[in-house]
């Protein structure tokens, strides 16, 4: 059961990272899509794409601490503000929710990996 939960956490982390990198990359390279970046520079959006890619790689390998660090690096400069202070039902609010999925994946990976190591 713990092994399955650990794999589910890894899959959740990879899916959230794919969604985040896809959303930020789409906004960067398809400017006519109608998705705007109010208050977010292109450099910051490119950095968030890189963070999401590395979070996905770390999640695939089960490194919960690295996924948590990339969650902190991506959520608090942008995701936190967009999540709580975006008044409309904008696409940026969903980016905040997906960022929280990275945190959930990191917590699940950390909890199950510790118990799996104790059981082995």
C-alpha atoms as a PDB file:
ATOM      1  CA  UNK A   1       0.000   0.000   0.000  1.00  0.00           C
ATOM      2  CA  UNK A   2       2.801   2.419   0.859  1.00  0.00           C
ATOM      3  CA  UNK A   3       4.602   1.571  -2.372  1.00  0.00           C
ATOM      4  CA  UNK A   4       1.465   2.389  -4.371  1.00  0.00           C
ATOM      5  CA  UNK A   5       0.971   5.659  -2.493  1.00  0.00           C
ATOM      6  CA  UNK A   6       4.598   6.617  -3.149  1.00  0.00           C
ATOM      7  CA  UNK A   7       4.170   5.925  -6.852  1.00  0.00           C
ATOM      8  CA  UNK A   8       0.942   7.934  -6.862  1.00  0.00           C
ATOM      9  CA  UNK A   9       2.763  10.850  -5.237  1.00  0.00           C
ATOM     10  CA  UNK A  10       5.520  10.655  -7.826  1.00  0.00           C
ATOM     11  CA  UNK A  11       2.964  10.594 -10.640  1.00  0.00           C
ATOM     12  CA  UNK A  12       1.115  13.551  -9.115  1.00  0.00           C
ATOM     13  CA  UNK A  13       4.358  15.509  -8.942  1.00  0.00           C
ATOM     14  CA  UNK A  14       5.227  14.733 -12.545  1.00  0.00           C
ATOM     15  CA  UNK A  15       1.726  15.660 -13.754  1.00  0.00           C
ATOM     16  CA  UNK A  16       1.737  18.937 -11.828  1.00  0.00           C
ATOM     17  CA  UNK A  17       5.192  19.762 -13.167  1.00  0.00           C
ATOM     18  CA  UNK A  18       4.055  18.999 -16.717  1.00  0.00           C
ATOM     19  CA  UNK A  19       1.012  21.223 -16.284  1.00  0.00           C
ATOM     20  CA  UNK A  20       3.067  24.071 -14.844  1.00  0.00           C
ATOM     21  CA  UNK A  21       5.795  23.927 -17.449  1.00  0.00           C
ATOM     22  CA  UNK A  22       3.222  23.616 -20.216  1.00  0.00           C
ATOM     23  CA  UNK A  23       1.216  26.598 -18.983  1.00  0.00           C
ATOM     24  CA  UNK A  24       4.213  28.895 -18.561  1.00  0.00           C
ATOM     25  CA  UNK A  25       5.769  27.778 -21.852  1.00  0.00           C
ATOM     26  CA  UNK A  26       2.469  28.315 -23.670  1.00  0.00           C
ATOM     27  CA  UNK A  27       2.232  31.842 -22.314  1.00  0.00           C
ATOM     28  CA  UNK A  28       5.838  32.561 -23.288  1.00  0.00           C
ATOM     29  CA  UNK A  29       5.812  31.274 -26.845  1.00  0.00           C
ATOM     30  CA  UNK A  30       2.221  31.847 -27.917  1.00  0.00           C
ATOM     31  CA  UNK A  31       1.595  35.500 -27.098  1.00  0.00           C
ATOM     32  CA  UNK A  32      -1.561  35.686 -29.203  1.00  0.00           C
ATOM     33  CA  UNK A  33      -3.267  33.028 -27.068  1.00  0.00           C
ATOM     34  CA  UNK A  34      -4.992  35.666 -24.949  1.00  0.00           C
ATOM     35  CA  UNK A  35      -3.240  34.618 -21.754  1.00  0.00           C
ATOM     36  CA  UNK A  36      -1.647  37.683 -20.272  1.00  0.00           C
ATOM     37  CA  UNK A  37       1.148  38.082 -17.754  1.00  0.00           C
ATOM     38  CA  UNK A  38       0.146  41.027 -15.566  1.00  0.00           C
ATOM     39  CA  UNK A  39       3.100  41.915 -13.356  1.00  0.00           C
ATOM     40  CA  UNK A  40       5.180  38.905 -14.454  1.00  0.00           C
ATOM     41  CA  UNK A  41       8.228  39.398 -16.621  1.00  0.00           C
ATOM     42  CA  UNK A  42       9.283  37.054 -19.386  1.00  0.00           C
ATOM     43  CA  UNK A  43      12.444  36.152 -17.485  1.00  0.00           C
ATOM     44  CA  UNK A  44      10.420  35.124 -14.444  1.00  0.00           C
ATOM     45  CA  UNK A  45       8.078  33.026 -16.588  1.00  0.00           C
ATOM     46  CA  UNK A  46      11.069  31.306 -18.211  1.00  0.00           C
ATOM     47  CA  UNK A  47      12.541  30.643 -14.760  1.00  0.00           C
ATOM     48  CA  UNK A  48       9.239  29.100 -13.665  1.00  0.00           C
ATOM     49  CA  UNK A  49       9.332  26.787 -16.690  1.00  0.00           C
ATOM     50  CA  UNK A  50      12.806  25.636 -15.647  1.00  0.00           C
ATOM     51  CA  UNK A  51      11.667  25.165 -12.035  1.00  0.00           C
ATOM     52  CA  UNK A  52       8.737  23.039 -13.180  1.00  0.00           C
ATOM     53  CA  UNK A  53      10.940  20.853 -15.378  1.00  0.00           C
ATOM     54  CA  UNK A  54      13.394  20.227 -12.542  1.00  0.00           C
ATOM     55  CA  UNK A  55      10.532  19.563 -10.117  1.00  0.00           C
ATOM     56  CA  UNK A  56       9.190  16.949 -12.520  1.00  0.00           C
ATOM     57  CA  UNK A  57      12.570  15.252 -12.784  1.00  0.00           C
ATOM     58  CA  UNK A  58      12.979  15.256  -8.994  1.00  0.00           C
ATOM     59  CA  UNK A  59       9.472  13.904  -8.576  1.00  0.00           C
ATOM     60  CA  UNK A  60      10.110  11.069 -11.002  1.00  0.00           C
ATOM     61  CA  UNK A  61      13.131  10.048  -8.945  1.00  0.00           C
ATOM     62  CA  UNK A  62      11.260  10.480  -5.644  1.00  0.00           C
ATOM     63  CA  UNK A  63      13.282  13.344  -4.164  1.00  0.00           C
ATOM     64  CA  UNK A  64      10.689  14.939  -1.903  1.00  0.00           C
ATOM     65  CA  UNK A  65      12.994  17.640  -0.508  1.00  0.00           C
ATOM     66  CA  UNK A  66      13.907  18.875  -3.983  1.00  0.00           C
ATOM     67  CA  UNK A  67      10.251  18.970  -5.040  1.00  0.00           C
ATOM     68  CA  UNK A  68       9.416  20.932  -1.882  1.00  0.00           C
ATOM     69  CA  UNK A  69      12.211  23.417  -2.600  1.00  0.00           C
ATOM     70  CA  UNK A  70      10.988  23.950  -6.149  1.00  0.00           C
ATOM     71  CA  UNK A  71       7.457  24.371  -4.779  1.00  0.00           C
ATOM     72  CA  UNK A  72       8.725  27.116  -2.481  1.00  0.00           C
ATOM     73  CA  UNK A  73      10.696  28.731  -5.300  1.00  0.00           C
ATOM     74  CA  UNK A  74       7.732  28.755  -7.663  1.00  0.00           C
ATOM     75  CA  UNK A  75       4.797  29.338  -5.314  1.00  0.00           C
ATOM     76  CA  UNK A  76       5.870  32.194  -3.096  1.00  0.00           C
ATOM     77  CA  UNK A  77       7.131  34.721  -5.627  1.00  0.00           C
ATOM     78  CA  UNK A  78       4.232  34.265  -8.034  1.00  0.00           C
ATOM     79  CA  UNK A  79       1.756  31.541  -7.128  1.00  0.00           C
ATOM     80  CA  UNK A  80       0.918  32.822  -3.650  1.00  0.00           C
ATOM     81  CA  UNK A  81       0.092  36.313  -4.877  1.00  0.00           C
ATOM     82  CA  UNK A  82      -1.844  35.070  -7.883  1.00  0.00           C
ATOM     83  CA  UNK A  83      -3.650  32.440  -5.846  1.00  0.00           C
ATOM     84  CA  UNK A  84      -4.944  34.774  -3.149  1.00  0.00           C
ATOM     85  CA  UNK A  85      -5.145  38.179  -4.805  1.00  0.00           C
ATOM     86  CA  UNK A  86      -6.486  37.393  -8.248  1.00  0.00           C
ATOM     87  CA  UNK A  87     -10.089  38.527  -8.081  1.00  0.00           C
ATOM     88  CA  UNK A  88     -11.266  36.989 -11.324  1.00  0.00           C
ATOM     89  CA  UNK A  89     -11.411  33.330 -12.264  1.00  0.00           C
ATOM     90  CA  UNK A  90      -8.233  33.707 -14.257  1.00  0.00           C
ATOM     91  CA  UNK A  91      -5.849  31.037 -15.556  1.00  0.00           C
ATOM     92  CA  UNK A  92      -3.250  32.247 -13.079  1.00  0.00           C
ATOM     93  CA  UNK A  93      -5.387  31.075 -10.159  1.00  0.00           C
ATOM     94  CA  UNK A  94      -5.184  27.542 -11.551  1.00  0.00           C
ATOM     95  CA  UNK A  95      -1.402  27.853 -11.657  1.00  0.00           C
ATOM     96  CA  UNK A  96      -1.529  28.408  -7.888  1.00  0.00           C
ATOM     97  CA  UNK A  97      -3.635  25.287  -7.427  1.00  0.00           C
ATOM     98  CA  UNK A  98      -1.252  23.193  -9.493  1.00  0.00           C
ATOM     99  CA  UNK A  99       1.637  24.576  -7.437  1.00  0.00           C
ATOM    100  CA  UNK A 100      -0.125  23.289  -4.336  1.00  0.00           C
ATOM    101  CA  UNK A 101      -0.258  19.888  -6.044  1.00  0.00           C
ATOM    102  CA  UNK A 102       3.548  19.911  -6.028  1.00  0.00           C
ATOM    103  CA  UNK A 103       3.493  20.454  -2.269  1.00  0.00           C
ATOM    104  CA  UNK A 104       1.039  17.590  -1.786  1.00  0.00           C
ATOM    105  CA  UNK A 105       3.239  15.318  -3.891  1.00  0.00           C
ATOM    106  CA  UNK A 106       6.326  16.265  -1.884  1.00  0.00           C
ATOM    107  CA  UNK A 107       4.604  15.616   1.447  1.00  0.00           C
ATOM    108  CA  UNK A 108       3.263  12.250   0.280  1.00  0.00           C
ATOM    109  CA  UNK A 109       6.641  11.207  -1.112  1.00  0.00           C
ATOM    110  CA  UNK A 110       8.395  12.212   2.099  1.00  0.00           C
ATOM    111  CA  UNK A 111       5.909  10.418   4.365  1.00  0.00           C
ATOM    112  CA  UNK A 112       5.792   7.192   2.391  1.00  0.00           C
ATOM    113  CA  UNK A 113       9.541   7.038   1.709  1.00  0.00           C
ATOM    114  CA  UNK A 114      10.333   7.274   5.408  1.00  0.00           C
ATOM    115  CA  UNK A 115       7.878   4.489   6.251  1.00  0.00           C
ATOM    116  CA  UNK A 116       9.110   2.334   3.365  1.00  0.00           C
ATOM    117  CA  UNK A 117      12.685   2.723   4.573  1.00  0.00           C
ATOM    118  CA  UNK A 118      11.656   1.713   8.095  1.00  0.00           C
ATOM    119  CA  UNK A 119       9.757  -1.332   6.801  1.00  0.00           C
ATOM    120  CA  UNK A 120      12.676  -2.570   4.705  1.00  0.00           C
END
